[in-house]
């Protein structure tokens, strides 16, 4: 299948037909080539219909509705799909099966669907099994079939299905099995909490009546965070499985803004052990500190590793106001990359390596999210005229951003794609949340 050129229709129908034929010959789940062309001006979300999942027996209808609802929300949130409203369906999903001969493809075409997801559910005790079938409505053929199992976790099961469909249609891993850590205000205290990408299953993992801020995933099932637990601004780690907390860095002064290297062996952070805020690198245990910046009076902070581990982005006010800089991982070749605006901070290097997201304050003293191309320096604005927006963090596949926004009053966690579209709030309306950081863990699809 040839890759679609700019200006082509999103789905190359001839290529889809060839792919579908190959799939039918070798088994629907074997298709690996992307069907959605993500890049380029020709991109448009792929129209897809997801009727409620059908139970094999009378039991399971509620689970089928829940699974389909979560899947629709995930696919819509990805920005890749135009998920059709079930109220528009003129076909009868209840009477249709999951085989080509039982599906009224013209009826699905008439409501604008190019793709159709059908599923059968088996439920036994706490075990849920879902057999998912995906069809090319235009060609009237099945292009994907896979079975998914779960022990009583319907939402997680739906996230797995969403990731599998994203992988099938784009050739890239999805993001709905990753998680987001963040800070939640509780009176005068600040807790470290974790939630799913859709905002569900939220729980606080550090809740000690102290101020705990700046969470960062460590790549091994734990979170680094800065805390005043010991009376100083120290760096700690919490193990998410056991809840055990232990100090990592307790130098005099600041120990904050930790970021773990892609290989998991080093931690970049801000230390003021020498009387000034500088970027250091320590090992995983917090030992063997190596200073990377050395401006005598400037404040250097907020390190962020490039995905190949060869460079670090950071903030420095060495020219008089905070700007984004980049340096090699050993501290050499430090150079400024932002020249627009007078207050740029919180850089986050994209997992794709091409862009850095950051917070900037505009001429109205309002904070917004921007990205800058590392190579070319072109700046793109993500938010505007929607309150203050700060602290961006990338999804592990680089296809989405999470950030803090107060557009609805109190601070909350929001999502957006890198073009500034499909923005949606995910944190609860009942709590104040900020400083998100996206898990770098990408579980394999089962």
Foldseek 3Di string as FASTA:
>chain_A
DDDDDAVDAQFDVVVVVVLLVVCVVVPQAPQQDARGDDDHPNHDAAEEEQDFEAEPDPPDSVLSNVLSVLLLVQSVLLRRHDYDDPVLQPDDLVQADQDLVRDPLVSVVVSPHQKYKYWYWDDDPQKIKIWIWMDRSVVSGTRHIDMFMDRNDSNVRSLLVNQSVCCNNGVDGDFQNWKKWWWFDDPPEIFIWIDTPQQPPIDTLGDDRWHKHQWEDLQPQKIWIFTCPVPARFIWIARNVPSDIDTQADAHHHWHQWYAALVSFKIWFWDCNVPATFIWIATPSNDDIDTQDPDPHKHKGNWEAQLVRQKIWIWICSVPATFIWMATNNNPDIDTLDDPARHKHNWYAANVRQKIKIWGQDPVRAIFIWIAGPVPSDIAGQDDPQGHWGQWEARLRRQKIWTWGCSVHAIFIWMAGNNNPSIDTRHDPVIHIGNMYIDNDRDDRD
